Amino acid sequence: MITYIALAQIIIAVALITVIIIQSRSSGGLGGIFGGDNSLFRTRRGVEKTLFNFTIVLAIAFAIVSLIAASGLAAR
C-alpha cells in the first residue's frame, strides 16, 4: 500500500512540476519570476486558465497524498 502511495506521489509531483514549467514559459519564462514581466493586469483565458486550475488541483492532490503517506508511515 505504501508503494502505491509513493508512486502516486511521484507521478503527481512530476505532473505538478511540468505544469508549472509550462505556465512559466507561456507567461514570459523565468524573467517573470524575477520581476522582468510587464506589470499589466491580464485575465487568464483558454489554455492559461486551464493550466492555472490544473495546477491548483495537482497541488491539493499532492498535499492530500503526502498527508496520507505521512499518516501511513506514522501508523507503522
N, C-alpha and C. Protein backbone atom coordinates (compact mmCIF):
# COMPACT_ATOMS: atom_id res chain seq x y z
N MET A 1 0.82 -1.19 0.00
CA MET A 1 0.00 0.00 0.00
C MET A 1 0.87 1.26 0.00
N ILE A 2 1.92 1.26 0.80
CA ILE A 2 2.82 2.41 0.85
C ILE A 2 3.50 2.62 -0.50
N THR A 3 3.78 1.52 -1.20
CA THR A 3 4.41 1.62 -2.52
C THR A 3 3.51 2.36 -3.50
N TYR A 4 2.21 2.06 -3.48
CA TYR A 4 1.28 2.72 -4.37
C TYR A 4 1.13 4.21 -4.04
N ILE A 5 1.14 4.52 -2.78
CA ILE A 5 1.04 5.92 -2.36
C ILE A 5 2.30 6.68 -2.78
N ALA A 6 3.46 6.06 -2.61
CA ALA A 6 4.71 6.70 -3.02
C ALA A 6 4.75 6.89 -4.53
N LEU A 7 4.28 5.90 -5.27
CA LEU A 7 4.23 6.02 -6.73
C LEU A 7 3.27 7.13 -7.16
N ALA A 8 2.12 7.21 -6.51
CA ALA A 8 1.17 8.29 -6.82
C ALA A 8 1.78 9.65 -6.50
N GLN A 9 2.51 9.74 -5.41
CA GLN A 9 3.15 11.00 -5.02
C GLN A 9 4.19 11.42 -6.06
N ILE A 10 4.96 10.48 -6.55
CA ILE A 10 5.97 10.79 -7.57
C ILE A 10 5.31 11.25 -8.86
N ILE A 11 4.26 10.55 -9.28
CA ILE A 11 3.57 10.92 -10.53
C ILE A 11 2.95 12.31 -10.40
N ILE A 12 2.30 12.59 -9.29
CA ILE A 12 1.69 13.91 -9.09
C ILE A 12 2.76 14.99 -9.03
N ALA A 13 3.89 14.71 -8.39
CA ALA A 13 4.96 15.71 -8.30
C ALA A 13 5.53 16.03 -9.68
N VAL A 14 5.75 15.01 -10.50
CA VAL A 14 6.28 15.24 -11.85
C VAL A 14 5.27 16.03 -12.69
N ALA A 15 3.99 15.68 -12.57
CA ALA A 15 2.95 16.41 -13.30
C ALA A 15 2.87 17.86 -12.84
N LEU A 16 2.97 18.09 -11.54
CA LEU A 16 2.93 19.45 -11.00
C LEU A 16 4.11 20.28 -11.49
N ILE A 17 5.29 19.71 -11.48
CA ILE A 17 6.48 20.41 -11.98
C ILE A 17 6.33 20.74 -13.46
N THR A 18 5.82 19.78 -14.23
CA THR A 18 5.63 20.00 -15.67
C THR A 18 4.64 21.13 -15.93
N VAL A 19 3.53 21.14 -15.22
CA VAL A 19 2.52 22.18 -15.43
C VAL A 19 3.06 23.55 -15.03
N ILE A 20 3.83 23.62 -13.97
CA ILE A 20 4.41 24.90 -13.55
C ILE A 20 5.41 25.40 -14.58
N ILE A 21 6.22 24.52 -15.12
CA ILE A 21 7.19 24.93 -16.15
C ILE A 21 6.47 25.41 -17.40
N ILE A 22 5.42 24.71 -17.80
CA ILE A 22 4.65 25.14 -18.98
C ILE A 22 4.02 26.50 -18.73
N GLN A 23 3.52 26.73 -17.53
CA GLN A 23 2.93 28.03 -17.19
C GLN A 23 3.96 29.15 -17.26
N SER A 24 5.14 28.93 -16.72
CA SER A 24 6.14 29.99 -16.70
C SER A 24 6.65 30.29 -18.10
N ARG A 25 6.66 29.31 -18.99
CA ARG A 25 7.06 29.56 -20.38
C ARG A 25 6.04 30.44 -21.09
N SER A 26 4.77 30.18 -20.85
CA SER A 26 3.74 30.93 -21.57
C SER A 26 3.57 32.34 -21.03
N SER A 27 4.04 32.60 -19.83
CA SER A 27 3.86 33.94 -19.25
C SER A 27 5.17 34.69 -19.12
N GLY A 28 6.11 34.46 -20.00
CA GLY A 28 7.34 35.22 -20.00
C GLY A 28 8.55 34.48 -19.49
N GLY A 29 8.41 33.23 -19.15
CA GLY A 29 9.56 32.44 -18.72
C GLY A 29 10.06 32.82 -17.34
N LEU A 30 11.32 32.59 -17.11
CA LEU A 30 11.90 32.86 -15.79
C LEU A 30 12.03 34.36 -15.51
N GLY A 31 11.98 35.19 -16.54
CA GLY A 31 12.06 36.63 -16.32
C GLY A 31 10.90 37.15 -15.50
N GLY A 32 9.74 36.52 -15.63
CA GLY A 32 8.58 36.92 -14.85
C GLY A 32 8.74 36.63 -13.37
N ILE A 33 9.52 35.64 -13.04
CA ILE A 33 9.74 35.30 -11.64
C ILE A 33 10.55 36.39 -10.94
N PHE A 34 11.51 36.97 -11.66
CA PHE A 34 12.39 37.96 -11.06
C PHE A 34 11.96 39.39 -11.35
N GLY A 35 10.73 39.59 -11.77
CA GLY A 35 10.23 40.94 -11.97
C GLY A 35 10.41 41.48 -13.37
N GLY A 36 10.81 40.68 -14.32
CA GLY A 36 11.01 41.15 -15.67
C GLY A 36 9.73 41.17 -16.50
N ASP A 37 8.66 40.66 -15.93
CA ASP A 37 7.39 40.62 -16.64
C ASP A 37 6.75 42.00 -16.64
N ASN A 38 5.99 42.30 -17.70
CA ASN A 38 5.30 43.59 -17.70
C ASN A 38 4.23 43.56 -16.61
N SER A 39 3.96 44.70 -16.04
CA SER A 39 3.10 44.75 -14.86
C SER A 39 1.65 45.08 -15.23
N LEU A 40 1.22 44.74 -16.42
CA LEU A 40 -0.16 44.95 -16.81
C LEU A 40 -1.01 43.79 -16.30
N PHE A 41 -2.20 44.12 -15.87
CA PHE A 41 -3.11 43.09 -15.40
C PHE A 41 -3.72 42.37 -16.60
N ARG A 42 -3.68 41.06 -16.58
CA ARG A 42 -4.26 40.27 -17.66
C ARG A 42 -5.21 39.25 -17.08
N THR A 43 -6.27 39.01 -17.80
CA THR A 43 -7.22 37.98 -17.41
C THR A 43 -6.77 36.66 -18.03
N ARG A 44 -6.82 35.62 -17.22
CA ARG A 44 -6.46 34.30 -17.74
C ARG A 44 -7.59 33.78 -18.61
N ARG A 45 -7.25 33.31 -19.80
CA ARG A 45 -8.25 32.79 -20.71
C ARG A 45 -7.72 31.53 -21.39
N GLY A 46 -8.63 30.67 -21.75
CA GLY A 46 -8.28 29.49 -22.54
C GLY A 46 -7.35 28.53 -21.83
N VAL A 47 -6.26 28.21 -22.51
CA VAL A 47 -5.30 27.23 -22.01
C VAL A 47 -4.63 27.73 -20.73
N GLU A 48 -4.36 29.02 -20.64
CA GLU A 48 -3.72 29.56 -19.45
C GLU A 48 -4.59 29.37 -18.21
N LYS A 49 -5.88 29.57 -18.35
CA LYS A 49 -6.81 29.38 -17.23
C LYS A 49 -6.88 27.90 -16.85
N THR A 50 -6.91 27.04 -17.88
CA THR A 50 -6.96 25.60 -17.62
C THR A 50 -5.70 25.13 -16.89
N LEU A 51 -4.53 25.60 -17.32
CA LEU A 51 -3.28 25.24 -16.64
C LEU A 51 -3.27 25.74 -15.21
N PHE A 52 -3.78 26.95 -14.99
CA PHE A 52 -3.83 27.52 -13.64
C PHE A 52 -4.71 26.66 -12.74
N ASN A 53 -5.89 26.31 -13.22
CA ASN A 53 -6.79 25.48 -12.41
C ASN A 53 -6.22 24.08 -12.19
N PHE A 54 -5.58 23.52 -13.21
CA PHE A 54 -4.97 22.19 -13.08
C PHE A 54 -3.82 22.20 -12.08
N THR A 55 -3.09 23.31 -12.02
CA THR A 55 -2.01 23.45 -11.04
C THR A 55 -2.57 23.42 -9.63
N ILE A 56 -3.67 24.10 -9.42
CA ILE A 56 -4.31 24.11 -8.09
C ILE A 56 -4.78 22.71 -7.71
N VAL A 57 -5.40 22.01 -8.65
CA VAL A 57 -5.88 20.65 -8.39
C VAL A 57 -4.72 19.72 -8.06
N LEU A 58 -3.64 19.81 -8.84
CA LEU A 58 -2.47 18.96 -8.58
C LEU A 58 -1.82 19.28 -7.24
N ALA A 59 -1.76 20.54 -6.88
CA ALA A 59 -1.16 20.92 -5.59
C ALA A 59 -1.99 20.37 -4.42
N ILE A 60 -3.31 20.45 -4.54
CA ILE A 60 -4.18 19.91 -3.49
C ILE A 60 -4.05 18.40 -3.42
N ALA A 61 -4.01 17.74 -4.59
CA ALA A 61 -3.85 16.28 -4.63
C ALA A 61 -2.52 15.87 -4.02
N PHE A 62 -1.47 16.62 -4.32
CA PHE A 62 -0.15 16.30 -3.76
C PHE A 62 -0.16 16.45 -2.24
N ALA A 63 -0.80 17.49 -1.74
CA ALA A 63 -0.88 17.68 -0.29
C ALA A 63 -1.65 16.55 0.38
N ILE A 64 -2.75 16.14 -0.23
CA ILE A 64 -3.56 15.06 0.35
C ILE A 64 -2.79 13.74 0.34
N VAL A 65 -2.14 13.43 -0.78
CA VAL A 65 -1.38 12.18 -0.85
C VAL A 65 -0.20 12.21 0.13
N SER A 66 0.41 13.38 0.31
CA SER A 66 1.50 13.50 1.27
C SER A 66 1.03 13.27 2.70
N LEU A 67 -0.14 13.81 3.02
CA LEU A 67 -0.70 13.58 4.36
C LEU A 67 -1.07 12.11 4.58
N ILE A 68 -1.60 11.48 3.55
CA ILE A 68 -1.91 10.05 3.65
C ILE A 68 -0.63 9.24 3.83
N ALA A 69 0.42 9.59 3.10
CA ALA A 69 1.69 8.87 3.23
C ALA A 69 2.28 9.08 4.62
N ALA A 70 2.20 10.30 5.13
CA ALA A 70 2.74 10.56 6.47
C ALA A 70 1.95 9.82 7.55
N SER A 71 0.65 9.78 7.41
CA SER A 71 -0.15 9.06 8.40
C SER A 71 0.06 7.56 8.30
N GLY A 72 0.31 7.07 7.09
CA GLY A 72 0.59 5.65 6.91
C GLY A 72 1.93 5.26 7.51
N LEU A 73 2.90 6.13 7.39
CA LEU A 73 4.22 5.85 7.99
C LEU A 73 4.18 5.97 9.51
N ALA A 74 3.36 6.87 10.01
CA ALA A 74 3.26 7.05 11.45
C ALA A 74 2.55 5.86 12.11
N ALA A 75 1.66 5.23 11.35
CA ALA A 75 0.93 4.08 11.89
C ALA A 75 1.80 2.83 11.99
N ARG A 76 2.90 2.80 11.26
CA ARG A 76 3.77 1.63 11.29
C ARG A 76 4.50 1.52 12.55
